[in-house]
Amino acid sequence: MDVNDVPQEGNCTMGGYRRAMYARDNDGRIVIVPSLGGEVDETVTLQALERIREQTEEARARVLAGESSPLEYWMYAQRLDLPQLSQVAGLWQWRIRRHFRPKVFAKLSPKMLQNYAWVMGITVDQLKKLP
């Protein structure tokens, strides 16, 4: 992409911030160019946010039906997925999936609950129930 082709249309999802993009200048060198984003960026971001909202509501329904623990709801509500939560919490994905089971979640230690709450930026009391 040439420096003049970097999108500068603006993107409501970026909140007025710019992001760095790499482009080729007139001398053929790769340089960093600030970009306000464009329509494609905005569309993709809005679609991703909609999918996250859907996953959050699907998880809420599973929690209300007794099929999952509030941990799954909070994971999606905080815009995380299983690999991200696993990495930040320092736990194997299979352990987190196990903690999605309501009976297993109810028996988690205070230390484990505090770890999850810290990762998600909420209190342990919030983690134990839906908002």
Foldseek 3Di string as FASTA:
>chain_A
DALVPAAAPAAVVVVQAWDWDWHAYPVRDIDTHTHRDDDVVNVVVVVVVVVLVVQLVVLVVCVVVQNFFLLSNLCSVLVHDLVRLCVQLVHDSVVVVVCRRVVNVVPDDPVSLCSSCVSSVHDSVPSRDPD
